[in-house]
N, C-alpha and C. Protein backbone atom coordinates (compact mmCIF):
# COMPACT_ATOMS: atom_id res chain seq x y z
N MET A 1 0.84 -1.26 0.02
CA MET A 1 -0.15 -0.12 -0.03
C MET A 1 0.83 1.26 0.14
N ARG A 2 0.38 2.09 -0.96
CA ARG A 2 1.33 3.49 -1.08
C ARG A 2 0.50 4.72 -0.45
N LEU A 3 1.13 5.64 -0.14
CA LEU A 3 0.45 6.77 0.32
C LEU A 3 -0.36 7.52 -0.74
N ASN A 4 -1.72 8.10 -0.17
CA ASN A 4 -2.48 8.53 -1.29
C ASN A 4 -3.23 9.71 -0.78
N ASP A 5 -3.85 10.61 -1.44
CA ASP A 5 -4.28 12.06 -1.05
C ASP A 5 -5.09 11.75 -0.02
N PHE A 6 -6.12 10.70 0.15
CA PHE A 6 -7.09 10.35 1.08
C PHE A 6 -6.33 10.38 2.47
N GLU A 7 -5.47 9.45 2.46
CA GLU A 7 -4.48 9.09 3.81
C GLU A 7 -3.57 10.30 4.26
N TRP A 8 -3.15 11.01 3.32
CA TRP A 8 -2.48 12.43 3.52
C TRP A 8 -3.15 13.12 4.26
N ASN A 9 -4.38 13.35 3.55
CA ASN A 9 -5.23 14.53 4.16
C ASN A 9 -6.05 13.79 5.54
N ARG A 10 -6.20 12.47 5.60
CA ARG A 10 -6.60 12.06 7.03
C ARG A 10 -5.63 12.16 8.03
N GLN A 11 -4.39 12.00 7.72
CA GLN A 11 -3.11 12.10 8.83
C GLN A 11 -2.83 13.55 8.94
N LEU A 12 -2.96 14.43 8.18
CA LEU A 12 -2.73 15.75 8.46
C LEU A 12 -3.55 16.49 9.49
N PHE A 13 -5.16 16.05 9.16
CA PHE A 13 -6.00 16.23 10.04
C PHE A 13 -5.96 16.04 11.40
N HIS A 14 -5.41 14.60 11.49
CA HIS A 14 -5.33 13.84 12.73
C HIS A 14 -4.11 14.67 13.51
N ILE A 15 -3.25 15.28 12.71
CA ILE A 15 -2.06 16.24 13.49
C ILE A 15 -2.57 17.40 14.20
N PHE A 16 -3.05 17.99 13.10
CA PHE A 16 -3.96 19.29 13.39
C PHE A 16 -5.05 19.16 14.44
N LEU A 17 -5.86 18.32 14.69
CA LEU A 17 -6.84 17.80 15.69
C LEU A 17 -6.22 17.97 16.94
N GLY A 18 -5.15 17.00 16.95
CA GLY A 18 -4.34 16.91 18.43
C GLY A 18 -3.58 17.92 18.67
N LEU A 19 -3.11 18.52 17.88
CA LEU A 19 -2.24 19.85 18.34
C LEU A 19 -3.52 20.93 18.84
N ALA A 20 -4.49 20.98 17.99
CA ALA A 20 -5.37 22.16 18.57
C ALA A 20 -6.06 21.82 19.70
N ILE A 21 -6.27 20.46 19.97
CA ILE A 21 -7.01 20.22 21.29
C ILE A 21 -5.75 20.18 22.49
N VAL A 22 -4.88 20.09 22.33
CA VAL A 22 -3.57 20.23 23.21
C VAL A 22 -3.41 21.64 23.46
N ALA A 23 -3.34 22.58 22.32
CA ALA A 23 -3.24 24.07 22.73
C ALA A 23 -4.44 24.73 23.41
N LEU A 24 -5.70 24.07 23.20
CA LEU A 24 -6.80 24.59 23.74
C LEU A 24 -6.63 24.25 25.36
N LEU A 25 -6.17 22.96 25.64
CA LEU A 25 -6.16 22.34 26.93
C LEU A 25 -5.34 23.40 27.54
N LYS A 26 -4.20 23.63 27.03
CA LYS A 26 -2.97 24.17 27.69
C LYS A 26 -3.30 25.67 28.06
N PHE A 27 -4.29 26.34 27.21
CA PHE A 27 -4.54 27.76 27.34
C PHE A 27 -5.88 27.97 28.11
N GLY A 28 -6.48 26.63 28.54
CA GLY A 28 -7.53 26.89 29.51
C GLY A 28 -8.99 27.12 28.66
N PHE A 29 -8.93 26.82 27.16
CA PHE A 29 -10.17 27.13 26.48
C PHE A 29 -10.84 25.98 26.28
N LEU A 30 -10.24 24.64 26.74
CA LEU A 30 -10.77 23.31 26.75
C LEU A 30 -10.61 22.65 28.22
N ASP A 31 -11.50 21.91 28.66
CA ASP A 31 -11.59 21.10 29.93
C ASP A 31 -12.25 20.00 29.79
N LYS A 32 -12.24 19.12 30.82
CA LYS A 32 -12.79 17.79 30.82
C LYS A 32 -14.44 17.77 30.63
N LYS A 33 -14.76 18.74 30.92
CA LYS A 33 -16.57 19.08 30.97
C LYS A 33 -16.72 19.04 29.56
N LEU A 34 -15.98 20.24 28.84
CA LEU A 34 -16.27 20.52 27.71
C LEU A 34 -15.95 19.45 26.54
N MET A 35 -14.84 18.59 26.90
CA MET A 35 -14.63 17.37 25.93
C MET A 35 -15.74 16.54 26.38
N LEU A 36 -16.05 16.23 27.30
CA LEU A 36 -17.26 15.41 27.43
C LEU A 36 -18.50 15.94 26.50
N ILE A 37 -19.07 16.96 26.66
CA ILE A 37 -19.94 17.63 25.92
C ILE A 37 -19.83 17.34 24.56
N ILE A 38 -18.48 17.57 23.91
CA ILE A 38 -18.06 17.29 22.33
C ILE A 38 -18.34 15.98 22.04
N ILE A 39 -18.11 15.14 23.00
CA ILE A 39 -18.21 13.65 22.75
C ILE A 39 -19.35 13.49 22.57
N ILE A 40 -20.42 13.77 23.45
CA ILE A 40 -21.89 13.46 23.50
C ILE A 40 -22.40 14.15 22.26
N ILE A 41 -22.26 15.31 21.78
CA ILE A 41 -22.55 15.98 20.66
C ILE A 41 -22.07 15.18 19.40
N GLY A 42 -20.75 14.58 19.41
CA GLY A 42 -20.06 14.04 18.28
C GLY A 42 -21.08 12.67 17.94
N LEU A 43 -21.34 11.93 19.05
CA LEU A 43 -22.05 10.74 19.09
C LEU A 43 -23.43 10.87 18.51
N ALA A 44 -24.19 12.06 19.00
CA ALA A 44 -25.27 12.28 18.51
C ALA A 44 -25.36 12.71 16.96
N LEU A 45 -24.39 13.57 16.52
CA LEU A 45 -24.16 13.87 15.06
C LEU A 45 -24.12 12.67 14.16
N SER A 46 -23.28 11.83 14.66
CA SER A 46 -22.56 10.41 13.93
C SER A 46 -24.14 9.65 13.78
N PHE A 47 -24.94 9.41 14.84
CA PHE A 47 -26.21 8.75 14.72
C PHE A 47 -27.29 9.52 13.91
N LEU A 48 -27.19 10.68 13.96
CA LEU A 48 -27.87 11.42 12.90
C LEU A 48 -27.53 11.26 11.47
N ASN A 49 -26.20 11.55 11.24
CA ASN A 49 -25.56 11.31 9.83
C ASN A 49 -25.88 10.21 9.19
N ARG A 50 -25.92 9.11 10.06
CA ARG A 50 -26.14 7.66 9.45
C ARG A 50 -27.86 7.85 8.75
N LYS A 51 -28.81 8.37 9.38
CA LYS A 51 -30.19 8.62 8.95
C LYS A 51 -30.36 9.44 7.70
N ILE A 52 -29.77 10.84 8.03
CA ILE A 52 -29.87 12.03 7.16
C ILE A 52 -28.40 12.39 6.93
N LYS A 53 -28.08 12.89 5.79
CA LYS A 53 -26.76 13.44 5.32
C LYS A 53 -26.58 14.94 5.87
N ILE A 54 -25.89 15.03 7.18
CA ILE A 54 -25.98 16.61 7.66
C ILE A 54 -25.13 17.39 6.58
N PRO A 55 -25.68 18.48 6.08
CA PRO A 55 -24.81 19.25 5.35
C PRO A 55 -23.44 19.67 6.14
N VAL A 56 -22.45 19.85 5.42
CA VAL A 56 -21.02 20.33 5.92
C VAL A 56 -20.07 19.09 6.53
N ILE A 57 -21.12 18.48 7.49
CA ILE A 57 -20.53 17.29 8.32
C ILE A 57 -20.46 16.18 7.54
N HIS A 58 -21.49 15.63 6.73
CA HIS A 58 -21.34 14.73 5.74
C HIS A 58 -20.14 14.92 4.71
N GLU A 59 -20.08 16.23 4.26
CA GLU A 59 -18.93 16.52 2.89
C GLU A 59 -17.47 16.31 3.74
N LEU A 60 -17.52 16.95 5.00
CA LEU A 60 -16.22 16.60 5.64
C LEU A 60 -15.95 15.08 5.89
N LEU A 61 -16.83 14.53 6.40
CA LEU A 61 -16.71 12.96 6.55
C LEU A 61 -16.29 12.16 5.51
N GLN A 62 -16.93 12.57 4.16
CA GLN A 62 -16.64 12.07 2.90
C GLN A 62 -15.08 11.92 2.63
N LYS A 63 -14.41 13.30 3.11
CA LYS A 63 -13.07 13.50 2.95
C LYS A 63 -12.13 12.77 3.64
N LEU A 64 -12.66 12.54 4.95
CA LEU A 64 -11.81 12.12 6.06
C LEU A 64 -12.07 10.90 6.51
N GLU A 65 -13.13 10.23 6.28
CA GLU A 65 -13.47 8.99 6.91
C GLU A 65 -13.41 7.94 6.01
N ARG A 66 -12.92 6.85 6.63
CA ARG A 66 -12.66 5.57 5.69
C ARG A 66 -14.21 5.06 5.45
N LYS A 67 -14.40 4.45 4.06
CA LYS A 67 -15.61 4.06 3.77
C LYS A 67 -16.32 3.31 4.49
N LYS A 68 -15.56 2.41 5.02
CA LYS A 68 -16.12 1.11 6.19
C LYS A 68 -16.89 1.98 7.35
N GLU A 69 -16.20 3.05 7.88
CA GLU A 69 -17.11 3.69 8.99
C GLU A 69 -18.13 4.51 8.65
N LEU A 70 -18.03 4.98 7.37
CA LEU A 70 -19.08 5.96 6.96
C LEU A 70 -20.40 5.47 7.14
N GLY A 71 -20.92 3.92 6.79
CA GLY A 71 -22.02 3.71 6.97
C GLY A 71 -22.29 3.09 8.10
N THR A 72 -21.50 2.77 8.98
CA THR A 72 -21.62 2.06 10.48
C THR A 72 -21.45 3.10 11.42
N PHE A 73 -20.34 3.77 11.46
CA PHE A 73 -20.13 4.84 12.75
C PHE A 73 -19.32 5.84 12.12
N PRO A 74 -20.10 6.90 11.35
CA PRO A 74 -19.47 8.08 10.81
C PRO A 74 -18.62 9.05 11.91
N GLY A 75 -17.65 9.56 11.66
CA GLY A 75 -16.97 10.13 12.72
C GLY A 75 -16.07 9.48 13.67
N LYS A 76 -16.35 8.24 13.64
CA LYS A 76 -15.70 7.41 14.86
C LYS A 76 -14.16 7.68 15.00
N GLY A 77 -13.44 7.89 14.24
CA GLY A 77 -11.98 8.12 14.43
C GLY A 77 -11.97 9.50 15.24
N MET A 78 -12.75 10.61 15.09
CA MET A 78 -12.64 11.87 15.54
C MET A 78 -13.16 11.75 17.14
N ILE A 79 -14.43 11.15 17.07
CA ILE A 79 -14.95 10.75 18.50
C ILE A 79 -14.17 9.96 19.19
N PHE A 80 -13.40 9.14 18.75
CA PHE A 80 -12.62 8.27 19.72
C PHE A 80 -11.30 9.10 20.18
N TYR A 81 -11.11 10.20 19.03
CA TYR A 81 -9.87 10.79 19.41
C TYR A 81 -9.98 11.34 20.83
N PHE A 82 -11.31 12.31 20.77
CA PHE A 82 -11.74 13.03 22.06
C PHE A 82 -11.85 12.03 22.98
N ILE A 83 -12.48 10.76 22.99
CA ILE A 83 -12.66 9.92 24.05
C ILE A 83 -11.27 9.68 24.89
N GLY A 84 -10.37 9.29 23.76
CA GLY A 84 -8.93 9.06 24.38
C GLY A 84 -8.19 10.27 25.19
N GLY A 85 -8.39 11.46 24.75
CA GLY A 85 -8.13 12.62 25.38
C GLY A 85 -8.62 12.67 26.81
N TYR A 86 -10.20 12.63 26.51
CA TYR A 86 -10.92 12.58 27.87
C TYR A 86 -10.53 11.71 28.71
N LEU A 87 -10.43 10.50 28.44
CA LEU A 87 -9.78 9.58 29.49
C LEU A 87 -8.37 9.66 29.94
N SER A 88 -7.44 10.38 29.24
CA SER A 88 -6.40 10.69 29.72
C SER A 88 -6.43 11.70 30.86
N LEU A 89 -7.37 12.70 30.45
CA LEU A 89 -7.39 13.75 31.57
C LEU A 89 -7.91 13.41 32.88
N LEU A 90 -8.99 12.29 32.63
CA LEU A 90 -9.33 11.73 33.94
C LEU A 90 -8.31 10.90 34.64
N LEU A 91 -7.46 10.23 34.15
CA LEU A 91 -6.75 9.34 34.77
C LEU A 91 -5.22 9.87 35.07
N PHE A 92 -4.93 10.96 34.48
CA PHE A 92 -3.40 11.45 34.53
C PHE A 92 -3.34 12.78 34.86
N PRO A 93 -2.29 13.44 35.41
CA PRO A 93 -2.22 14.73 35.58
C PRO A 93 -2.28 15.51 34.26
N LYS A 94 -2.74 16.79 34.31
CA LYS A 94 -2.98 17.44 33.08
C LYS A 94 -1.85 17.55 31.89
N GLU A 95 -0.46 17.68 32.54
CA GLU A 95 0.64 17.73 31.70
C GLU A 95 0.89 16.23 31.16
N VAL A 96 0.83 15.16 31.84
CA VAL A 96 0.58 13.90 31.24
C VAL A 96 -0.28 13.55 30.22
N ALA A 97 -1.28 14.00 30.51
CA ALA A 97 -2.46 13.77 29.59
C ALA A 97 -2.26 14.44 28.38
N MET A 98 -1.69 15.79 28.19
CA MET A 98 -1.59 16.53 26.96
C MET A 98 -0.21 16.17 26.32
N ALA A 99 0.80 15.49 27.21
CA ALA A 99 2.06 14.88 26.47
C ALA A 99 1.56 13.41 25.58
N SER A 100 0.51 12.75 26.25
CA SER A 100 -0.02 11.79 25.66
C SER A 100 -0.66 11.94 24.43
N MET A 101 -1.39 13.17 24.46
CA MET A 101 -2.01 13.47 23.20
C MET A 101 -1.32 13.84 22.06
N MET A 102 0.03 14.55 22.53
CA MET A 102 1.09 14.78 21.81
C MET A 102 1.49 13.57 20.99
N VAL A 103 1.74 12.62 21.60
CA VAL A 103 2.29 11.44 21.19
C VAL A 103 1.59 10.67 20.09
N LEU A 104 -0.12 10.73 20.70
CA LEU A 104 -1.19 10.39 19.51
C LEU A 104 -1.10 11.20 18.22
N ALA A 105 -1.02 12.63 18.46
CA ALA A 105 -1.21 13.57 17.40
C ALA A 105 0.07 13.36 16.41
N LEU A 106 1.33 13.25 16.84
CA LEU A 106 2.51 13.24 15.99
C LEU A 106 3.10 11.65 15.76
N GLY A 107 3.18 11.03 17.03
CA GLY A 107 3.59 9.64 17.01
C GLY A 107 2.56 8.79 15.79
N ASP A 108 1.53 8.81 16.14
CA ASP A 108 0.54 7.79 15.06
C ASP A 108 0.59 8.40 13.79
N SER A 109 0.45 9.59 13.50
CA SER A 109 0.39 9.93 12.08
C SER A 109 1.65 9.78 11.41
N VAL A 110 2.47 10.41 12.07
CA VAL A 110 3.81 10.23 11.35
C VAL A 110 4.50 8.80 11.20
N SER A 111 4.15 7.87 12.12
CA SER A 111 4.24 6.41 11.86
C SER A 111 3.62 5.87 10.55
N HIS A 112 2.20 6.42 10.46
CA HIS A 112 1.51 5.89 9.27
C HIS A 112 1.95 6.53 8.17
N LEU A 113 2.40 7.87 8.05
CA LEU A 113 2.73 8.65 6.76
C LEU A 113 4.10 8.05 6.38
N TYR A 114 4.86 8.02 7.43
CA TYR A 114 6.30 7.54 6.81
C TYR A 114 6.35 6.08 6.53
N GLY A 115 5.49 5.39 7.23
CA GLY A 115 5.79 3.70 6.94
C GLY A 115 5.22 3.55 5.48
N LEU A 116 3.98 4.17 5.27
CA LEU A 116 3.42 4.11 3.92
C LEU A 116 4.47 4.62 2.86
N HIS A 117 4.88 5.61 3.01
CA HIS A 117 5.87 6.23 1.90
C HIS A 117 7.39 5.67 1.77
N TYR A 118 7.86 5.32 2.96
CA TYR A 118 9.40 4.85 2.92
C TYR A 118 9.38 3.37 3.54
N GLY A 119 8.44 2.78 4.21
CA GLY A 119 8.51 1.67 4.68
C GLY A 119 9.06 0.23 3.61
N LYS A 120 9.89 -0.24 3.99
CA LYS A 120 10.34 -1.21 3.28
C LYS A 120 10.60 -2.70 4.28
N LEU A 121 10.81 -2.73 5.59
CA LEU A 121 10.84 -3.59 6.58
C LEU A 121 9.57 -3.76 7.20
N LYS A 122 9.01 -4.96 6.78
CA LYS A 122 7.76 -5.47 7.75
C LYS A 122 7.95 -5.31 9.15
N HIS A 123 7.13 -4.80 10.00
CA HIS A 123 7.15 -4.76 11.28
C HIS A 123 6.99 -6.31 12.08
N PRO A 124 7.69 -6.61 12.83
CA PRO A 124 7.67 -7.91 13.52
C PRO A 124 6.29 -7.98 14.19
N LEU A 125 5.79 -7.13 14.69
CA LEU A 125 4.55 -7.14 15.52
C LEU A 125 3.09 -6.92 14.50
N SER A 126 3.17 -6.77 13.35
CA SER A 126 2.12 -6.46 12.58
C SER A 126 2.23 -6.93 11.14
N LYS A 127 1.11 -7.28 10.59
CA LYS A 127 0.98 -7.63 9.11
C LYS A 127 1.02 -6.51 8.03
N THR A 128 0.66 -5.34 8.67
CA THR A 128 0.46 -4.37 7.76
C THR A 128 1.27 -3.08 7.78
N LYS A 129 2.05 -3.15 8.98
CA LYS A 129 2.99 -2.03 9.08
C LYS A 129 4.23 -2.03 8.84
N PHE A 130 5.11 -0.90 8.89
CA PHE A 130 6.63 -1.05 8.67
C PHE A 130 7.21 -0.50 9.77
N LEU A 131 8.51 -1.23 9.73
CA LEU A 131 9.15 -0.81 10.94
C LEU A 131 9.80 0.70 11.11
N GLU A 132 10.21 1.26 9.73
CA GLU A 132 10.63 2.48 9.43
C GLU A 132 9.52 3.54 9.90
N GLY A 133 8.19 3.10 10.03
CA GLY A 133 7.03 3.97 10.33
C GLY A 133 7.14 4.14 11.82
N THR A 134 7.33 2.97 12.39
CA THR A 134 7.36 3.19 13.88
C THR A 134 8.44 3.72 14.64
N ILE A 135 9.47 3.77 13.91
CA ILE A 135 10.64 4.54 14.41
C ILE A 135 10.43 5.83 14.20
N ALA A 136 10.05 6.41 13.02
CA ALA A 136 9.85 7.92 12.81
C ALA A 136 8.64 8.15 13.82
N GLY A 137 7.58 7.49 14.09
CA GLY A 137 6.53 7.85 15.06
C GLY A 137 7.03 8.13 16.40
N PHE A 138 7.88 6.94 16.62
CA PHE A 138 8.67 7.36 17.92
C PHE A 138 9.29 8.53 18.05
N ALA A 139 10.16 8.88 17.23
CA ALA A 139 10.90 10.11 17.21
C ALA A 139 9.96 11.49 17.32
N ALA A 140 8.67 11.43 16.49
CA ALA A 140 7.91 12.47 16.52
C ALA A 140 7.19 12.60 17.96
N GLY A 141 6.61 11.38 18.25
CA GLY A 141 5.79 11.36 19.55
C GLY A 141 6.79 11.76 20.65
N PHE A 142 8.17 11.48 20.75
CA PHE A 142 9.03 11.83 21.81
C PHE A 142 9.26 13.38 21.65
N ILE A 143 9.38 13.88 20.59
CA ILE A 143 9.52 15.50 20.48
C ILE A 143 8.37 16.10 20.82
N GLY A 144 7.11 15.69 20.45
CA GLY A 144 5.77 16.18 21.10
C GLY A 144 5.72 16.20 22.74
N ALA A 145 5.97 14.90 23.22
CA ALA A 145 5.84 14.68 24.77
C ALA A 145 6.89 15.54 25.46
N LEU A 146 7.78 15.83 24.89
CA LEU A 146 9.16 16.69 25.45
C LEU A 146 8.60 18.03 25.93
N VAL A 147 7.53 18.60 25.08
CA VAL A 147 7.12 19.86 25.31
C VAL A 147 6.48 20.09 26.94
N PHE A 148 6.07 18.96 27.27
CA PHE A 148 5.35 18.63 28.55
C PHE A 148 6.06 17.85 29.66
N LEU A 149 6.84 16.72 29.40
CA LEU A 149 7.59 16.13 30.16
C LEU A 149 9.04 15.98 30.22
N PRO A 150 9.61 15.61 31.35
CA PRO A 150 11.22 15.53 31.05
C PRO A 150 11.70 14.59 30.16
N TRP A 151 12.77 14.62 29.62
CA TRP A 151 13.00 13.84 28.38
C TRP A 151 13.19 12.25 28.78
N HIS A 152 13.35 11.83 29.94
CA HIS A 152 13.21 10.42 30.10
C HIS A 152 11.76 9.65 30.02
N GLU A 153 10.75 10.63 30.70
CA GLU A 153 9.40 10.40 30.57
C GLU A 153 8.86 10.55 29.15
N ALA A 154 9.16 11.42 28.53
CA ALA A 154 8.70 11.40 27.07
C ALA A 154 9.45 10.19 26.25
N LEU A 155 10.32 9.89 26.36
CA LEU A 155 10.97 8.73 25.61
C LEU A 155 10.29 7.66 26.03
N VAL A 156 10.25 7.34 27.40
CA VAL A 156 9.39 6.08 27.67
C VAL A 156 7.82 6.26 27.30
N ALA A 157 7.36 7.31 27.08
CA ALA A 157 5.80 7.42 26.86
C ALA A 157 5.68 6.99 25.32
N SER A 158 6.58 7.62 24.50
CA SER A 158 6.67 7.60 22.98
C SER A 158 7.01 6.14 22.80
N LEU A 159 7.79 5.42 23.52
CA LEU A 159 8.31 4.13 23.07
C LEU A 159 7.44 3.16 23.37
N ALA A 160 6.83 3.29 24.40
CA ALA A 160 5.63 2.36 24.98
C ALA A 160 4.34 2.52 24.03
N ALA A 161 3.92 3.73 23.53
CA ALA A 161 2.84 3.75 22.86
C ALA A 161 3.01 3.38 21.26
N MET A 162 4.29 3.82 20.90
CA MET A 162 4.53 3.29 19.43
C MET A 162 4.65 1.79 19.38
N ILE A 163 5.27 1.10 20.40
CA ILE A 163 5.19 -0.26 20.33
C ILE A 163 3.72 -0.98 20.13
N VAL A 164 2.80 -0.42 21.12
CA VAL A 164 1.53 -0.93 21.27
C VAL A 164 0.78 -0.48 20.05
N GLU A 165 1.23 0.62 19.57
CA GLU A 165 0.41 1.18 17.94
C GLU A 165 0.55 0.13 16.96
N ALA A 166 1.63 -0.68 17.26
CA ALA A 166 2.20 -1.57 15.99
C ALA A 166 1.34 -2.96 16.35
N ILE A 167 0.75 -3.10 17.26
CA ILE A 167 0.03 -4.25 17.63
C ILE A 167 -1.55 -4.16 17.21
N GLU A 168 -2.07 -5.02 16.37
CA GLU A 168 -3.60 -4.90 16.29
C GLU A 168 -4.30 -5.65 17.69
N ILE A 169 -4.84 -4.66 18.50
CA ILE A 169 -5.41 -5.19 19.57
C ILE A 169 -7.01 -5.32 19.23
N LYS A 170 -7.64 -6.42 19.70
CA LYS A 170 -8.85 -7.02 19.11
C LYS A 170 -9.62 -7.29 20.24
N ILE A 171 -11.14 -6.62 20.45
CA ILE A 171 -12.00 -7.28 21.32
C ILE A 171 -12.93 -8.13 20.33
N GLY A 172 -13.02 -9.37 20.57
CA GLY A 172 -13.72 -10.16 19.54
C GLY A 172 -13.35 -10.05 18.41
N THR A 173 -14.18 -9.52 17.09
CA THR A 173 -13.45 -9.45 15.87
C THR A 173 -13.18 -7.84 15.72
N GLU A 174 -13.74 -7.09 16.38
CA GLU A 174 -13.54 -5.57 16.44
C GLU A 174 -11.98 -5.17 16.75
N GLN A 175 -11.49 -4.43 15.92
CA GLN A 175 -10.03 -3.92 16.36
C GLN A 175 -10.34 -2.70 17.39
N VAL A 176 -9.48 -2.46 18.34
CA VAL A 176 -9.39 -1.47 19.05
C VAL A 176 -9.04 -0.48 18.63
N ASP A 177 -9.51 0.88 18.68
CA ASP A 177 -9.17 2.12 17.86
C ASP A 177 -7.93 2.62 18.77
N ASP A 178 -6.84 2.75 17.91
CA ASP A 178 -5.66 3.38 18.74
C ASP A 178 -5.68 4.67 19.20
N ASN A 179 -6.87 5.45 18.84
CA ASN A 179 -6.71 6.83 19.47
C ASN A 179 -7.37 6.70 20.85
N LEU A 180 -7.64 5.43 21.32
CA LEU A 180 -8.04 5.04 22.59
C LEU A 180 -6.72 4.51 23.51
N ILE A 181 -6.04 3.61 22.50
CA ILE A 181 -4.91 2.91 23.17
C ILE A 181 -3.47 3.84 23.19
N ILE A 182 -3.34 4.53 22.32
CA ILE A 182 -2.10 5.19 22.36
C ILE A 182 -2.14 6.23 23.54
N PRO A 183 -3.04 7.24 23.71
CA PRO A 183 -2.85 8.11 25.01
C PRO A 183 -2.66 7.57 26.41
N ALA A 184 -3.68 6.41 26.30
CA ALA A 184 -3.49 5.51 27.73
C ALA A 184 -2.38 4.95 27.96
N VAL A 185 -1.87 4.46 26.85
CA VAL A 185 -0.44 3.66 27.03
C VAL A 185 0.51 4.56 27.41
N ALA A 186 0.57 5.72 26.79
CA ALA A 186 1.84 6.85 26.89
C ALA A 186 1.66 7.34 28.27
N GLY A 187 0.18 7.51 28.87
CA GLY A 187 0.11 8.07 30.14
C GLY A 187 0.60 7.21 31.18
N ALA A 188 0.11 5.84 31.16
CA ALA A 188 0.56 4.87 31.94
C ALA A 188 2.02 4.56 32.11
N ALA A 189 2.78 4.73 30.96
CA ALA A 189 4.15 4.47 30.80
C ALA A 189 4.61 5.62 31.76
N VAL A 190 4.28 6.80 31.77
CA VAL A 190 4.83 7.91 32.48
C VAL A 190 4.52 7.61 33.91
N TRP A 191 3.31 7.22 34.22
CA TRP A 191 2.93 6.91 35.87
C TRP A 191 3.86 5.63 36.07
N ILE A 192 4.08 4.84 35.48
CA ILE A 192 4.88 3.73 36.08
C ILE A 192 6.27 4.13 36.37
N VAL A 193 6.80 5.06 35.43
CA VAL A 193 8.35 5.78 35.59
C VAL A 193 8.06 6.41 36.65
N ARG A 194 7.06 7.26 37.07
CA ARG A 194 7.07 8.00 38.24
C ARG A 194 6.99 7.29 39.57
N MET A 195 6.41 6.00 39.39
CA MET A 195 6.34 5.15 40.73
C MET A 195 7.62 4.59 40.86
N ILE A 196 8.40 4.37 39.83
CA ILE A 196 9.51 3.54 40.13
C ILE A 196 10.70 4.76 40.80
């Protein structure tokens, strides 16, 4: 699989959304309560969009959502992005949650883009991903987390998250969305480092 315009646009939006969420959190324009409201509104709009094509929202989803989700769970990626951020804020201190979201925004997207474009070595933990992508994602996630954490915590957060990102975790037949997994693993890794 090679990089196409659709995946490029998806991943750029993924980066932009993550950076915007973190900036809004950092400067106090967004908090846990508002994130929960956004999630509820997002779920309602997703349900409605399956019944009727909501102008603007439907067009945006056509450009950014994979065909599979359009019919079953429109906006799934974006909603899970907010859920992952919300859970991070519930579970971890704010700076750890923001660092975890930076790993998601930068690490996940860069690993995907770089792996699809430059990847040659198959990842030992995945049938579909490339080792070069994981390494690039780790570097990007580390740099992002470094904005909020000391270098050793940022390193462990990004490393743990990118290892788990490469694994396809399933519950039954459904793959667990990495927008939930990556911030949780990054935050948990920092928590473990602090416990030690």
